[in-house]
C-alpha atoms as a PDB file:
ATOM      1  CA  UNK A   1    -218.713-107.729 126.436  1.00  0.00           C
ATOM      2  CA  UNK A   2    -215.597-105.771 127.428  1.00  0.00           C
ATOM      3  CA  UNK A   3    -215.019-104.521 123.857  1.00  0.00           C
ATOM      4  CA  UNK A   4    -212.493-101.890 124.923  1.00  0.00           C
ATOM      5  CA  UNK A   5    -210.885-103.718 127.829  1.00  0.00           C
ATOM      6  CA  UNK A   6    -207.318-102.569 128.410  1.00  0.00           C
ATOM      7  CA  UNK A   7    -207.761 -99.406 126.322  1.00  0.00           C
ATOM      8  CA  UNK A   8    -207.587 -95.809 127.507  1.00  0.00           C
ATOM      9  CA  UNK A   9    -210.351 -93.405 126.454  1.00  0.00           C
ATOM     10  CA  UNK A  10    -210.278 -89.620 126.779  1.00  0.00           C
ATOM     11  CA  UNK A  11    -213.719 -88.022 126.547  1.00  0.00           C
ATOM     12  CA  UNK A  12    -214.064 -84.270 126.118  1.00  0.00           C
ATOM     13  CA  UNK A  13    -217.067 -82.632 127.783  1.00  0.00           C
ATOM     14  CA  UNK A  14    -217.148 -85.869 129.750  1.00  0.00           C
ATOM     15  CA  UNK A  15    -219.336 -84.589 132.558  1.00  0.00           C
ATOM     16  CA  UNK A  16    -222.328 -83.462 130.482  1.00  0.00           C
ATOM     17  CA  UNK A  17    -225.140 -85.538 128.967  1.00  0.00           C
ATOM     18  CA  UNK A  18    -223.861 -87.674 126.109  1.00  0.00           C
ATOM     19  CA  UNK A  19    -220.251 -87.258 127.286  1.00  0.00           C
ATOM     20  CA  UNK A  20    -221.118 -88.641 130.726  1.00  0.00           C
ATOM     21  CA  UNK A  21    -223.030 -91.508 129.118  1.00  0.00           C
ATOM     22  CA  UNK A  22    -220.037 -92.275 126.890  1.00  0.00           C
ATOM     23  CA  UNK A  23    -217.641 -92.187 129.857  1.00  0.00           C
ATOM     24  CA  UNK A  24    -219.868 -94.521 131.850  1.00  0.00           C
ATOM     25  CA  UNK A  25    -220.349 -96.953 128.973  1.00  0.00           C
ATOM     26  CA  UNK A  26    -216.640 -97.033 128.136  1.00  0.00           C
ATOM     27  CA  UNK A  27    -215.831 -97.760 131.785  1.00  0.00           C
ATOM     28  CA  UNK A  28    -218.448-100.522 131.871  1.00  0.00           C
ATOM     29  CA  UNK A  29    -216.858-102.007 128.738  1.00  0.00           C
ATOM     30  CA  UNK A  30    -213.435-102.159 130.427  1.00  0.00           C
ATOM     31  CA  UNK A  31    -211.652 -98.969 129.342  1.00  0.00           C
ATOM     32  CA  UNK A  32    -209.759 -96.681 131.669  1.00  0.00           C
ATOM     33  CA  UNK A  33    -211.404 -93.311 131.158  1.00  0.00           C
ATOM     34  CA  UNK A  34    -210.158 -89.739 131.390  1.00  0.00           C
ATOM     35  CA  UNK A  35    -212.949 -87.209 131.887  1.00  0.00           C
ATOM     36  CA  UNK A  36    -211.985 -83.917 130.237  1.00  0.00           C
ATOM     37  CA  UNK A  37    -214.289 -81.045 131.098  1.00  0.00           C
ATOM     38  CA  UNK A  38    -213.958 -77.395 132.077  1.00  0.00           C
ATOM     39  CA  UNK A  39    -216.129 -78.150 135.130  1.00  0.00           C
ATOM     40  CA  UNK A  40    -213.404 -79.752 137.226  1.00  0.00           C
ATOM     41  CA  UNK A  41    -215.418 -80.466 140.375  1.00  0.00           C
ATOM     42  CA  UNK A  42    -218.278 -82.102 138.491  1.00  0.00           C
ATOM     43  CA  UNK A  43    -215.910 -84.213 136.388  1.00  0.00           C
ATOM     44  CA  UNK A  44    -214.028 -85.296 139.481  1.00  0.00           C
ATOM     45  CA  UNK A  45    -217.317 -86.243 141.164  1.00  0.00           C
ATOM     46  CA  UNK A  46    -218.229 -88.469 138.211  1.00  0.00           C
ATOM     47  CA  UNK A  47    -214.762 -90.054 138.310  1.00  0.00           C
ATOM     48  CA  UNK A  48    -215.146 -90.772 142.048  1.00  0.00           C
ATOM     49  CA  UNK A  49    -218.545 -92.343 141.419  1.00  0.00           C
ATOM     50  CA  UNK A  50    -217.118 -94.605 138.728  1.00  0.00           C
ATOM     51  CA  UNK A  51    -214.110 -95.564 140.876  1.00  0.00           C
ATOM     52  CA  UNK A  52    -216.503 -96.467 143.706  1.00  0.00           C
ATOM     53  CA  UNK A  53    -218.191 -98.864 141.267  1.00  0.00           C
ATOM     54  CA  UNK A  54    -214.829-100.522 140.563  1.00  0.00           C
ATOM     55  CA  UNK A  55    -213.879 -98.771 137.309  1.00  0.00           C
ATOM     56  CA  UNK A  56    -210.727 -96.837 136.452  1.00  0.00           C
ATOM     57  CA  UNK A  57    -211.472 -93.143 135.902  1.00  0.00           C
ATOM     58  CA  UNK A  58    -209.597 -89.862 136.286  1.00  0.00           C
END
């Protein structure tokens, strides 16, 4: 549906559970997502996975 297409979303605790699900869903809906988490390496890994799928994530 692309409900948030063209928007930017910042998700805190974006690597864990519900945060990761929210990040993924927002990306699927067209948002550029910023994953904010104290676990840098894990957050970066999720961002790389989303970018590989064609989404915009940092």
